[in-house]
């Protein structure tokens, strides 16, 4: 009996500011402008298959996820790669971060799963990678779980999204309408979140009032961020723009984000790193990303901060900005 085995991995993504660009009906052209951080930790998927009745069994490690996401990925993949059918599939999904907390885990999971399936049946790496981004973007839009996360992940690093849409599309997997670019200095990032909280992204991006306020605030900040070269010299500007965005959009006051930010900044003061680091809200979770004020700084304050945050009742992980694709 033929056995199929493949692995896929994809880091997470933290959106710091964005617009909602879903006016057109075609999901390939939907997405967002904005900026954020692509990080090392995300989702790992191992796919195992045997020839037999088509289907998918999903199991999770580390945290609970949504099996429907992975069924949607496989359904779209079969439409493009018929040889993925007539296989009884099983996947094991390892989630390094919680879902619905602003870490782009649905996008990361969709990319990782699409990669795992394709590697299991022996498709070439570059072709598989592009198709994974294409499928993941459409799954995200069909399920209203994200807008620009996949396009951001395709760029990697500290990213800015300059044109909305899928990063790749079509039978030849040429570049799609979405365009993003990234840079990296291996900057450390501490992610912190309240346990057992989080709100589904669709609650914002499908709400007309939220869409208007978010897009207005995001477009205002992208006017400046879209101009000029994109590199480490724009770090301070990005941090300032992210702060202005959450204030102008009203997202800082929504949910428990204000209390979260107050708790995090309080711990930062107690640890004596108030001037060395900045706490930014992750869109659209009840979570924060704490990053160095200077992206090139080599001062390590993460251990004391993580200990203080966990003492305050927050869950944390230390990760890093990944390298551009």
C-alpha atoms as a PDB file:
ATOM      1  CA  UNK A   1       0.000   0.000   0.000  1.00  0.00           C
ATOM      2  CA  UNK A   2       1.284   3.449  -0.935  1.00  0.00           C
ATOM      3  CA  UNK A   3       1.927   5.700   2.059  1.00  0.00           C
ATOM      4  CA  UNK A   4       2.110   9.508   1.877  1.00  0.00           C
ATOM      5  CA  UNK A   5       3.964  11.577   4.468  1.00  0.00           C
ATOM      6  CA  UNK A   6       4.794  15.284   4.511  1.00  0.00           C
ATOM      7  CA  UNK A   7       5.450  18.167   6.872  1.00  0.00           C
ATOM      8  CA  UNK A   8       4.641  21.874   6.634  1.00  0.00           C
ATOM      9  CA  UNK A   9       5.502  24.771   8.925  1.00  0.00           C
ATOM     10  CA  UNK A  10       4.565  28.436   8.961  1.00  0.00           C
ATOM     11  CA  UNK A  11       5.215  31.157  11.528  1.00  0.00           C
ATOM     12  CA  UNK A  12       2.546  33.441  12.923  1.00  0.00           C
ATOM     13  CA  UNK A  13       1.743  37.036  12.053  1.00  0.00           C
ATOM     14  CA  UNK A  14       0.926  40.019  14.268  1.00  0.00           C
ATOM     15  CA  UNK A  15      -1.042  42.781  12.575  1.00  0.00           C
ATOM     16  CA  UNK A  16      -0.245  46.196  14.044  1.00  0.00           C
ATOM     17  CA  UNK A  17      -2.436  48.311  11.738  1.00  0.00           C
ATOM     18  CA  UNK A  18      -4.625  47.579   8.731  1.00  0.00           C
ATOM     19  CA  UNK A  19      -7.500  48.474   6.446  1.00  0.00           C
ATOM     20  CA  UNK A  20     -10.442  46.315   5.391  1.00  0.00           C
ATOM     21  CA  UNK A  21     -10.372  45.960   1.593  1.00  0.00           C
ATOM     22  CA  UNK A  22     -13.207  43.576   0.679  1.00  0.00           C
ATOM     23  CA  UNK A  23     -15.336  45.692  -1.645  1.00  0.00           C
ATOM     24  CA  UNK A  24     -14.893  43.392  -4.659  1.00  0.00           C
ATOM     25  CA  UNK A  25     -16.593  39.999  -4.824  1.00  0.00           C
ATOM     26  CA  UNK A  26     -13.490  38.062  -5.878  1.00  0.00           C
ATOM     27  CA  UNK A  27     -11.707  36.799  -2.718  1.00  0.00           C
ATOM     28  CA  UNK A  28      -8.410  36.792  -4.611  1.00  0.00           C
ATOM     29  CA  UNK A  29      -8.621  40.601  -4.788  1.00  0.00           C
ATOM     30  CA  UNK A  30      -9.771  41.074  -1.192  1.00  0.00           C
ATOM     31  CA  UNK A  31      -7.347  41.725   1.654  1.00  0.00           C
ATOM     32  CA  UNK A  32      -5.876  44.677   3.462  1.00  0.00           C
ATOM     33  CA  UNK A  33      -3.206  47.319   3.468  1.00  0.00           C
ATOM     34  CA  UNK A  34      -1.224  47.591   6.671  1.00  0.00           C
ATOM     35  CA  UNK A  35       1.878  46.554   8.558  1.00  0.00           C
ATOM     36  CA  UNK A  36       2.933  44.003  11.128  1.00  0.00           C
ATOM     37  CA  UNK A  37       5.413  41.383  12.306  1.00  0.00           C
ATOM     38  CA  UNK A  38       5.924  37.846  11.015  1.00  0.00           C
ATOM     39  CA  UNK A  39       7.334  35.672  13.803  1.00  0.00           C
ATOM     40  CA  UNK A  40       9.096  32.316  14.058  1.00  0.00           C
ATOM     41  CA  UNK A  41       6.487  30.502  16.152  1.00  0.00           C
ATOM     42  CA  UNK A  42       3.257  29.448  14.488  1.00  0.00           C
ATOM     43  CA  UNK A  43       1.850  26.153  13.211  1.00  0.00           C
ATOM     44  CA  UNK A  44       3.453  22.858  12.270  1.00  0.00           C
ATOM     45  CA  UNK A  45       1.490  20.170  10.414  1.00  0.00           C
ATOM     46  CA  UNK A  46       2.388  16.549   9.696  1.00  0.00           C
ATOM     47  CA  UNK A  47       0.242  14.895   7.028  1.00  0.00           C
ATOM     48  CA  UNK A  48      -0.106  11.119   6.691  1.00  0.00           C
ATOM     49  CA  UNK A  49      -2.140   9.407   4.014  1.00  0.00           C
ATOM     50  CA  UNK A  50      -2.943   5.992   2.608  1.00  0.00           C
ATOM     51  CA  UNK A  51      -4.761   5.140  -0.572  1.00  0.00           C
ATOM     52  CA  UNK A  52      -8.400   4.653   0.267  1.00  0.00           C
ATOM     53  CA  UNK A  53     -11.634   6.495   0.819  1.00  0.00           C
ATOM     54  CA  UNK A  54     -11.078  10.262   0.670  1.00  0.00           C
ATOM     55  CA  UNK A  55     -11.392  12.045   3.992  1.00  0.00           C
ATOM     56  CA  UNK A  56      -9.500  13.892   6.696  1.00  0.00           C
ATOM     57  CA  UNK A  57      -8.935  13.241  10.381  1.00  0.00           C
ATOM     58  CA  UNK A  58      -7.463  16.157  12.359  1.00  0.00           C
ATOM     59  CA  UNK A  59      -5.764  16.056  15.752  1.00  0.00           C
ATOM     60  CA  UNK A  60      -4.233  18.988  17.652  1.00  0.00           C
ATOM     61  CA  UNK A  61      -1.204  19.369  19.901  1.00  0.00           C
ATOM     62  CA  UNK A  62      -0.413  22.326  22.159  1.00  0.00           C
ATOM     63  CA  UNK A  63      -3.812  24.024  21.868  1.00  0.00           C
ATOM     64  CA  UNK A  64      -7.228  23.320  20.399  1.00  0.00           C
ATOM     65  CA  UNK A  65      -7.954  24.503  16.869  1.00  0.00           C
ATOM     66  CA  UNK A  66     -10.671  24.458  14.227  1.00  0.00           C
ATOM     67  CA  UNK A  67     -10.716  21.261  12.164  1.00  0.00           C
ATOM     68  CA  UNK A  68     -13.013  22.937   9.611  1.00  0.00           C
ATOM     69  CA  UNK A  69     -10.132  25.163   8.519  1.00  0.00           C
ATOM     70  CA  UNK A  70      -8.045  22.163   7.509  1.00  0.00           C
ATOM     71  CA  UNK A  71     -10.932  20.482   5.698  1.00  0.00           C
ATOM     72  CA  UNK A  72     -11.374  23.682   3.673  1.00  0.00           C
ATOM     73  CA  UNK A  73      -7.682  23.666   2.749  1.00  0.00           C
ATOM     74  CA  UNK A  74      -7.843  20.078   1.536  1.00  0.00           C
ATOM     75  CA  UNK A  75     -11.049  20.685  -0.445  1.00  0.00           C
ATOM     76  CA  UNK A  76      -9.455  23.578  -2.351  1.00  0.00           C
ATOM     77  CA  UNK A  77      -6.250  21.632  -2.887  1.00  0.00           C
ATOM     78  CA  UNK A  78      -8.126  18.703  -4.452  1.00  0.00           C
ATOM     79  CA  UNK A  79      -9.735  21.096  -6.943  1.00  0.00           C
ATOM     80  CA  UNK A  80      -6.257  21.994  -8.225  1.00  0.00           C
ATOM     81  CA  UNK A  81      -4.377  18.748  -7.551  1.00  0.00           C
ATOM     82  CA  UNK A  82      -6.714  15.785  -8.199  1.00  0.00           C
ATOM     83  CA  UNK A  83      -4.060  13.290  -7.050  1.00  0.00           C
ATOM     84  CA  UNK A  84      -4.665  14.489  -3.485  1.00  0.00           C
ATOM     85  CA  UNK A  85      -8.043  12.747  -3.705  1.00  0.00           C
ATOM     86  CA  UNK A  86      -8.590   8.990  -3.255  1.00  0.00           C
ATOM     87  CA  UNK A  87      -6.417   9.238  -0.154  1.00  0.00           C
ATOM     88  CA  UNK A  88      -7.480   8.751   3.456  1.00  0.00           C
ATOM     89  CA  UNK A  89      -5.672  11.633   5.169  1.00  0.00           C
ATOM     90  CA  UNK A  90      -4.709  12.283   8.769  1.00  0.00           C
ATOM     91  CA  UNK A  91      -2.930  15.383  10.012  1.00  0.00           C
ATOM     92  CA  UNK A  92      -1.398  16.299  13.334  1.00  0.00           C
ATOM     93  CA  UNK A  93      -1.451  20.056  13.962  1.00  0.00           C
ATOM     94  CA  UNK A  94       0.870  21.645  16.509  1.00  0.00           C
ATOM     95  CA  UNK A  95      -0.208  25.147  17.553  1.00  0.00           C
ATOM     96  CA  UNK A  96       2.542  27.136  19.261  1.00  0.00           C
ATOM     97  CA  UNK A  97       0.132  30.023  19.903  1.00  0.00           C
ATOM     98  CA  UNK A  98      -3.593  30.259  20.699  1.00  0.00           C
ATOM     99  CA  UNK A  99      -6.190  30.945  18.018  1.00  0.00           C
ATOM    100  CA  UNK A 100      -8.376  34.084  17.942  1.00  0.00           C
ATOM    101  CA  UNK A 101      -5.728  36.162  19.721  1.00  0.00           C
ATOM    102  CA  UNK A 102      -4.314  38.216  16.859  1.00  0.00           C
ATOM    103  CA  UNK A 103      -1.448  35.883  15.974  1.00  0.00           C
ATOM    104  CA  UNK A 104      -2.585  34.933  12.455  1.00  0.00           C
ATOM    105  CA  UNK A 105      -2.946  31.284  13.394  1.00  0.00           C
ATOM    106  CA  UNK A 106      -5.673  30.466  10.868  1.00  0.00           C
ATOM    107  CA  UNK A 107      -3.486  31.797   8.042  1.00  0.00           C
ATOM    108  CA  UNK A 108      -0.423  30.033   9.438  1.00  0.00           C
ATOM    109  CA  UNK A 109      -2.327  26.777   9.831  1.00  0.00           C
ATOM    110  CA  UNK A 110      -3.757  26.930   6.326  1.00  0.00           C
ATOM    111  CA  UNK A 111      -0.322  27.539   4.776  1.00  0.00           C
ATOM    112  CA  UNK A 112       1.320  24.793   6.849  1.00  0.00           C
ATOM    113  CA  UNK A 113      -1.403  22.253   6.052  1.00  0.00           C
ATOM    114  CA  UNK A 114      -1.364  22.984   2.308  1.00  0.00           C
ATOM    115  CA  UNK A 115       2.417  22.535   2.346  1.00  0.00           C
ATOM    116  CA  UNK A 116       2.189  19.248   4.256  1.00  0.00           C
ATOM    117  CA  UNK A 117      -0.359  17.735   1.858  1.00  0.00           C
ATOM    118  CA  UNK A 118       1.649  18.724  -1.216  1.00  0.00           C
ATOM    119  CA  UNK A 119       4.957  17.523   0.176  1.00  0.00           C
ATOM    120  CA  UNK A 120       3.326  14.216   1.047  1.00  0.00           C
ATOM    121  CA  UNK A 121       2.431  13.624  -2.596  1.00  0.00           C
ATOM    122  CA  UNK A 122       5.853  14.835  -3.789  1.00  0.00           C
ATOM    123  CA  UNK A 123       5.165  18.176  -5.462  1.00  0.00           C
ATOM    124  CA  UNK A 124       8.107  20.583  -6.008  1.00  0.00           C
ATOM    125  CA  UNK A 125       8.892  22.981  -3.154  1.00  0.00           C
ATOM    126  CA  UNK A 126       8.488  26.362  -4.880  1.00  0.00           C
ATOM    127  CA  UNK A 127       5.287  25.313  -6.625  1.00  0.00           C
ATOM    128  CA  UNK A 128       3.903  23.949  -3.340  1.00  0.00           C
ATOM    129  CA  UNK A 129       4.817  27.092  -1.434  1.00  0.00           C
ATOM    130  CA  UNK A 130       3.093  29.422  -3.896  1.00  0.00           C
ATOM    131  CA  UNK A 131       0.005  27.226  -4.090  1.00  0.00           C
ATOM    132  CA  UNK A 132      -0.120  27.093  -0.279  1.00  0.00           C
ATOM    133  CA  UNK A 133      -0.260  30.883  -0.044  1.00  0.00           C
ATOM    134  CA  UNK A 134      -2.882  31.011  -2.793  1.00  0.00           C
ATOM    135  CA  UNK A 135      -5.117  28.412  -1.133  1.00  0.00           C
ATOM    136  CA  UNK A 136      -4.639  29.826   2.372  1.00  0.00           C
ATOM    137  CA  UNK A 137      -5.680  33.321   1.254  1.00  0.00           C
ATOM    138  CA  UNK A 138      -8.889  32.032  -0.321  1.00  0.00           C
ATOM    139  CA  UNK A 139      -9.696  29.907   2.730  1.00  0.00           C
ATOM    140  CA  UNK A 140      -9.185  32.931   4.977  1.00  0.00           C
ATOM    141  CA  UNK A 141     -11.495  35.096   2.915  1.00  0.00           C
ATOM    142  CA  UNK A 142     -14.163  32.414   2.496  1.00  0.00           C
ATOM    143  CA  UNK A 143     -14.260  31.913   6.279  1.00  0.00           C
ATOM    144  CA  UNK A 144     -13.782  35.600   7.271  1.00  0.00           C
ATOM    145  CA  UNK A 145     -10.911  34.568   9.533  1.00  0.00           C
ATOM    146  CA  UNK A 146      -8.410  37.035   8.107  1.00  0.00           C
ATOM    147  CA  UNK A 147      -7.648  39.652   5.490  1.00  0.00           C
ATOM    148  CA  UNK A 148      -3.962  40.253   4.841  1.00  0.00           C
ATOM    149  CA  UNK A 149      -2.209  37.691   7.033  1.00  0.00           C
ATOM    150  CA  UNK A 150      -1.325  35.373   4.153  1.00  0.00           C
ATOM    151  CA  UNK A 151       0.082  38.172   2.001  1.00  0.00           C
ATOM    152  CA  UNK A 152       2.112  39.313   5.001  1.00  0.00           C
ATOM    153  CA  UNK A 153       3.430  35.783   5.611  1.00  0.00           C
ATOM    154  CA  UNK A 154       4.473  35.510   1.975  1.00  0.00           C
ATOM    155  CA  UNK A 155       6.681  38.592   2.487  1.00  0.00           C
ATOM    156  CA  UNK A 156       7.983  37.743   5.971  1.00  0.00           C
ATOM    157  CA  UNK A 157       9.857  39.854   8.532  1.00  0.00           C
ATOM    158  CA  UNK A 158       8.663  43.311   9.501  1.00  0.00           C
ATOM    159  CA  UNK A 159       6.168  43.690   6.690  1.00  0.00           C
ATOM    160  CA  UNK A 160       4.103  46.385   5.031  1.00  0.00           C
ATOM    161  CA  UNK A 161       1.227  45.478   2.732  1.00  0.00           C
ATOM    162  CA  UNK A 162       1.053  47.881  -0.181  1.00  0.00           C
ATOM    163  CA  UNK A 163      -1.666  46.310  -2.333  1.00  0.00           C
ATOM    164  CA  UNK A 164      -4.587  44.154  -1.201  1.00  0.00           C
ATOM    165  CA  UNK A 165      -5.173  40.624  -2.444  1.00  0.00           C
ATOM    166  CA  UNK A 166      -3.659  37.159  -2.619  1.00  0.00           C
ATOM    167  CA  UNK A 167       0.127  37.029  -3.054  1.00  0.00           C
ATOM    168  CA  UNK A 168      -0.182  34.303  -5.744  1.00  0.00           C
ATOM    169  CA  UNK A 169      -3.054  33.045  -7.870  1.00  0.00           C
ATOM    170  CA  UNK A 170      -4.006  31.295 -11.093  1.00  0.00           C
ATOM    171  CA  UNK A 171      -2.971  27.962 -12.630  1.00  0.00           C
ATOM    172  CA  UNK A 172       0.608  29.139 -13.189  1.00  0.00           C
ATOM    173  CA  UNK A 173       0.809  30.660  -9.690  1.00  0.00           C
ATOM    174  CA  UNK A 174       2.109  33.993 -10.899  1.00  0.00           C
ATOM    175  CA  UNK A 175       2.156  36.832  -8.401  1.00  0.00           C
ATOM    176  CA  UNK A 176      -1.332  37.912  -7.453  1.00  0.00           C
ATOM    177  CA  UNK A 177      -2.753  41.359  -6.825  1.00  0.00           C
ATOM    178  CA  UNK A 178      -1.489  41.388  -3.235  1.00  0.00           C
ATOM    179  CA  UNK A 179       1.894  42.994  -2.727  1.00  0.00           C
ATOM    180  CA  UNK A 180       3.951  43.209   0.448  1.00  0.00           C
ATOM    181  CA  UNK A 181       7.602  43.604   1.404  1.00  0.00           C
ATOM    182  CA  UNK A 182       9.555  42.860   4.540  1.00  0.00           C
ATOM    183  CA  UNK A 183      12.881  43.215   6.327  1.00  0.00           C
ATOM    184  CA  UNK A 184      14.323  41.646   9.465  1.00  0.00           C
ATOM    185  CA  UNK A 185      16.969  42.213  12.087  1.00  0.00           C
ATOM    186  CA  UNK A 186      16.077  39.076  14.069  1.00  0.00           C
ATOM    187  CA  UNK A 187      14.286  41.326  16.564  1.00  0.00           C
ATOM    188  CA  UNK A 188      12.998  39.602  19.738  1.00  0.00           C
ATOM    189  CA  UNK A 189       9.258  39.745  20.407  1.00  0.00           C
ATOM    190  CA  UNK A 190       7.448  38.828  23.625  1.00  0.00           C
ATOM    191  CA  UNK A 191       3.813  37.946  22.967  1.00  0.00           C
ATOM    192  CA  UNK A 192       1.414  38.148  25.908  1.00  0.00           C
ATOM    193  CA  UNK A 193      -2.295  37.400  26.184  1.00  0.00           C
ATOM    194  CA  UNK A 194      -5.037  36.750  28.686  1.00  0.00           C
ATOM    195  CA  UNK A 195      -5.945  33.055  28.879  1.00  0.00           C
ATOM    196  CA  UNK A 196      -9.399  32.004  27.683  1.00  0.00           C
ATOM    197  CA  UNK A 197     -10.162  35.242  25.836  1.00  0.00           C
ATOM    198  CA  UNK A 198     -10.208  36.328  22.220  1.00  0.00           C
ATOM    199  CA  UNK A 199     -12.761  37.439  19.668  1.00  0.00           C
ATOM    200  CA  UNK A 200     -13.286  36.086  16.167  1.00  0.00           C
ATOM    201  CA  UNK A 201     -11.937  38.385  13.463  1.00  0.00           C
ATOM    202  CA  UNK A 202     -15.235  38.307  11.553  1.00  0.00           C
ATOM    203  CA  UNK A 203     -16.870  40.186  14.430  1.00  0.00           C
ATOM    204  CA  UNK A 204     -14.918  43.234  13.276  1.00  0.00           C
ATOM    205  CA  UNK A 205     -14.280  42.916   9.566  1.00  0.00           C
ATOM    206  CA  UNK A 206     -17.903  41.960   8.799  1.00  0.00           C
ATOM    207  CA  UNK A 207     -19.297  44.837  10.888  1.00  0.00           C
ATOM    208  CA  UNK A 208     -19.898  48.004   8.841  1.00  0.00           C
ATOM    209  CA  UNK A 209     -19.114  50.443  11.657  1.00  0.00           C
ATOM    210  CA  UNK A 210     -15.880  48.694  12.612  1.00  0.00           C
ATOM    211  CA  UNK A 211     -14.847  48.380   8.970  1.00  0.00           C
ATOM    212  CA  UNK A 212     -15.234  52.123   8.493  1.00  0.00           C
ATOM    213  CA  UNK A 213     -13.350  53.175  11.618  1.00  0.00           C
ATOM    214  CA  UNK A 214     -10.586  50.594  11.116  1.00  0.00           C
ATOM    215  CA  UNK A 215     -10.079  51.411   7.438  1.00  0.00           C
ATOM    216  CA  UNK A 216     -10.064  55.151   8.040  1.00  0.00           C
ATOM    217  CA  UNK A 217      -7.463  54.857  10.792  1.00  0.00           C
ATOM    218  CA  UNK A 218      -5.380  52.349   8.836  1.00  0.00           C
ATOM    219  CA  UNK A 219      -5.391  54.389   5.629  1.00  0.00           C
ATOM    220  CA  UNK A 220      -4.250  57.454   7.551  1.00  0.00           C
ATOM    221  CA  UNK A 221      -1.173  55.675   8.897  1.00  0.00           C
ATOM    222  CA  UNK A 222      -0.373  53.933   5.613  1.00  0.00           C
ATOM    223  CA  UNK A 223      -0.110  57.274   3.829  1.00  0.00           C
ATOM    224  CA  UNK A 224       3.284  57.720   5.431  1.00  0.00           C
ATOM    225  CA  UNK A 225       4.333  54.088   5.840  1.00  0.00           C
ATOM    226  CA  UNK A 226       3.759  53.337   2.143  1.00  0.00           C
ATOM    227  CA  UNK A 227       6.300  55.930   1.030  1.00  0.00           C
ATOM    228  CA  UNK A 228      10.056  55.457   0.648  1.00  0.00           C
ATOM    229  CA  UNK A 229      12.302  52.474   1.223  1.00  0.00           C
ATOM    230  CA  UNK A 230      11.294  49.877   3.803  1.00  0.00           C
ATOM    231  CA  UNK A 231      13.977  48.878   6.291  1.00  0.00           C
ATOM    232  CA  UNK A 232      15.224  49.088   9.863  1.00  0.00           C
ATOM    233  CA  UNK A 233      15.303  52.891   9.678  1.00  0.00           C
ATOM    234  CA  UNK A 234      11.467  52.851   9.653  1.00  0.00           C
ATOM    235  CA  UNK A 235      11.133  50.942  12.962  1.00  0.00           C
ATOM    236  CA  UNK A 236      10.316  53.921  15.193  1.00  0.00           C
ATOM    237  CA  UNK A 237       7.853  55.230  12.618  1.00  0.00           C
ATOM    238  CA  UNK A 238       6.094  51.847  12.583  1.00  0.00           C
ATOM    239  CA  UNK A 239       5.810  51.768  16.374  1.00  0.00           C
ATOM    240  CA  UNK A 240       4.342  55.281  16.441  1.00  0.00           C
ATOM    241  CA  UNK A 241       1.909  54.483  13.622  1.00  0.00           C
ATOM    242  CA  UNK A 242       0.693  51.360  15.410  1.00  0.00           C
ATOM    243  CA  UNK A 243      -0.082  53.369  18.553  1.00  0.00           C
ATOM    244  CA  UNK A 244      -1.955  56.034  16.594  1.00  0.00           C
ATOM    245  CA  UNK A 245      -3.936  53.387  14.726  1.00  0.00           C
ATOM    246  CA  UNK A 246      -5.366  51.652  17.801  1.00  0.00           C
ATOM    247  CA  UNK A 247      -6.320  55.003  19.324  1.00  0.00           C
ATOM    248  CA  UNK A 248      -7.924  56.427  16.169  1.00  0.00           C
ATOM    249  CA  UNK A 249      -9.775  53.213  15.271  1.00  0.00           C
ATOM    250  CA  UNK A 250     -11.324  52.765  18.718  1.00  0.00           C
ATOM    251  CA  UNK A 251      -9.895  49.254  19.037  1.00  0.00           C
ATOM    252  CA  UNK A 252      -7.828  50.145  22.107  1.00  0.00           C
ATOM    253  CA  UNK A 253     -10.965  50.799  24.133  1.00  0.00           C
ATOM    254  CA  UNK A 254     -12.845  47.753  22.818  1.00  0.00           C
ATOM    255  CA  UNK A 255     -12.978  44.419  24.637  1.00  0.00           C
ATOM    256  CA  UNK A 256     -10.408  44.198  27.469  1.00  0.00           C
ATOM    257  CA  UNK A 257      -7.521  45.609  25.444  1.00  0.00           C
ATOM    258  CA  UNK A 258      -7.088  48.765  27.508  1.00  0.00           C
ATOM    259  CA  UNK A 259      -6.824  46.720  30.707  1.00  0.00           C
ATOM    260  CA  UNK A 260      -4.395  44.350  29.007  1.00  0.00           C
ATOM    261  CA  UNK A 261      -2.175  47.193  27.835  1.00  0.00           C
ATOM    262  CA  UNK A 262      -2.243  48.796  31.284  1.00  0.00           C
ATOM    263  CA  UNK A 263      -1.213  45.507  32.902  1.00  0.00           C
ATOM    264  CA  UNK A 264       1.627  44.961  30.438  1.00  0.00           C
ATOM    265  CA  UNK A 265       3.014  48.496  30.725  1.00  0.00           C
ATOM    266  CA  UNK A 266       2.793  48.241  34.513  1.00  0.00           C
ATOM    267  CA  UNK A 267       4.922  45.093  34.487  1.00  0.00           C
ATOM    268  CA  UNK A 268       7.377  46.773  32.114  1.00  0.00           C
ATOM    269  CA  UNK A 269       7.836  49.642  34.584  1.00  0.00           C
ATOM    270  CA  UNK A 270       8.347  47.232  37.468  1.00  0.00           C
ATOM    271  CA  UNK A 271      11.014  45.426  35.434  1.00  0.00           C
ATOM    272  CA  UNK A 272      12.761  48.696  34.649  1.00  0.00           C
ATOM    273  CA  UNK A 273      12.407  48.400  30.874  1.00  0.00           C
ATOM    274  CA  UNK A 274       9.878  51.166  30.251  1.00  0.00           C
ATOM    275  CA  UNK A 275      12.339  53.059  28.038  1.00  0.00           C
ATOM    276  CA  UNK A 276      13.881  50.000  26.414  1.00  0.00           C
ATOM    277  CA  UNK A 277      10.737  48.370  25.053  1.00  0.00           C
ATOM    278  CA  UNK A 278       7.303  49.211  23.642  1.00  0.00           C
ATOM    279  CA  UNK A 279       4.017  47.320  24.113  1.00  0.00           C
ATOM    280  CA  UNK A 280       1.778  47.176  21.044  1.00  0.00           C
ATOM    281  CA  UNK A 281      -1.695  45.687  20.712  1.00  0.00           C
ATOM    282  CA  UNK A 282      -2.096  42.744  18.333  1.00  0.00           C
ATOM    283  CA  UNK A 283      -5.002  43.033  15.929  1.00  0.00           C
ATOM    284  CA  UNK A 284      -7.547  41.608  16.595  1.00  0.00           C
ATOM    285  CA  UNK A 285      -6.925  39.743  19.842  1.00  0.00           C
ATOM    286  CA  UNK A 286      -6.738  40.518  23.534  1.00  0.00           C
ATOM    287  CA  UNK A 287      -2.980  40.342  23.261  1.00  0.00           C
ATOM    288  CA  UNK A 288       0.156  42.447  23.051  1.00  0.00           C
ATOM    289  CA  UNK A 289       3.551  42.291  21.378  1.00  0.00           C
ATOM    290  CA  UNK A 290       6.408  43.768  23.419  1.00  0.00           C
ATOM    291  CA  UNK A 291       9.342  44.767  21.219  1.00  0.00           C
ATOM    292  CA  UNK A 292      12.574  46.752  21.681  1.00  0.00           C
ATOM    293  CA  UNK A 293      12.363  50.509  21.211  1.00  0.00           C
ATOM    294  CA  UNK A 294      15.504  50.105  19.083  1.00  0.00           C
ATOM    295  CA  UNK A 295      15.229  47.216  16.619  1.00  0.00           C
ATOM    296  CA  UNK A 296      19.043  46.889  16.575  1.00  0.00           C
ATOM    297  CA  UNK A 297      19.398  46.741  20.377  1.00  0.00           C
ATOM    298  CA  UNK A 298      21.126  43.666  21.796  1.00  0.00           C
ATOM    299  CA  UNK A 299      20.040  44.284  25.404  1.00  0.00           C
ATOM    300  CA  UNK A 300      18.196  41.191  26.674  1.00  0.00           C
ATOM    301  CA  UNK A 301      15.293  42.107  28.971  1.00  0.00           C
ATOM    302  CA  UNK A 302      12.978  39.297  27.915  1.00  0.00           C
ATOM    303  CA  UNK A 303      13.510  36.875  30.825  1.00  0.00           C
ATOM    304  CA  UNK A 304      12.568  39.341  33.542  1.00  0.00           C
ATOM    305  CA  UNK A 305       9.613  40.594  31.499  1.00  0.00           C
ATOM    306  CA  UNK A 306       8.239  37.105  30.826  1.00  0.00           C
ATOM    307  CA  UNK A 307       8.482  36.250  34.539  1.00  0.00           C
ATOM    308  CA  UNK A 308       6.677  39.478  35.492  1.00  0.00           C
ATOM    309  CA  UNK A 309       3.915  39.015  32.937  1.00  0.00           C
ATOM    310  CA  UNK A 310       3.248  35.446  34.004  1.00  0.00           C
ATOM    311  CA  UNK A 311       3.143  36.522  37.637  1.00  0.00           C
ATOM    312  CA  UNK A 312       0.454  39.025  36.610  1.00  0.00           C
ATOM    313  CA  UNK A 313      -1.642  36.186  35.162  1.00  0.00           C
ATOM    314  CA  UNK A 314      -0.754  36.553  31.487  1.00  0.00           C
ATOM    315  CA  UNK A 315       0.405  33.784  29.200  1.00  0.00           C
ATOM    316  CA  UNK A 316       3.537  34.515  27.188  1.00  0.00           C
ATOM    317  CA  UNK A 317       5.969  33.274  24.587  1.00  0.00           C
ATOM    318  CA  UNK A 318       9.332  34.654  23.518  1.00  0.00           C
ATOM    319  CA  UNK A 319       9.758  34.556  19.749  1.00  0.00           C
ATOM    320  CA  UNK A 320      11.538  36.555  17.047  1.00  0.00           C
ATOM    321  CA  UNK A 321      10.767  38.347  13.825  1.00  0.00           C
ATOM    322  CA  UNK A 322      11.486  35.835  11.089  1.00  0.00           C
ATOM    323  CA  UNK A 323      13.433  36.363   7.902  1.00  0.00           C
ATOM    324  CA  UNK A 324      11.803  37.757   4.750  1.00  0.00           C
ATOM    325  CA  UNK A 325      10.774  35.152   2.196  1.00  0.00           C
END
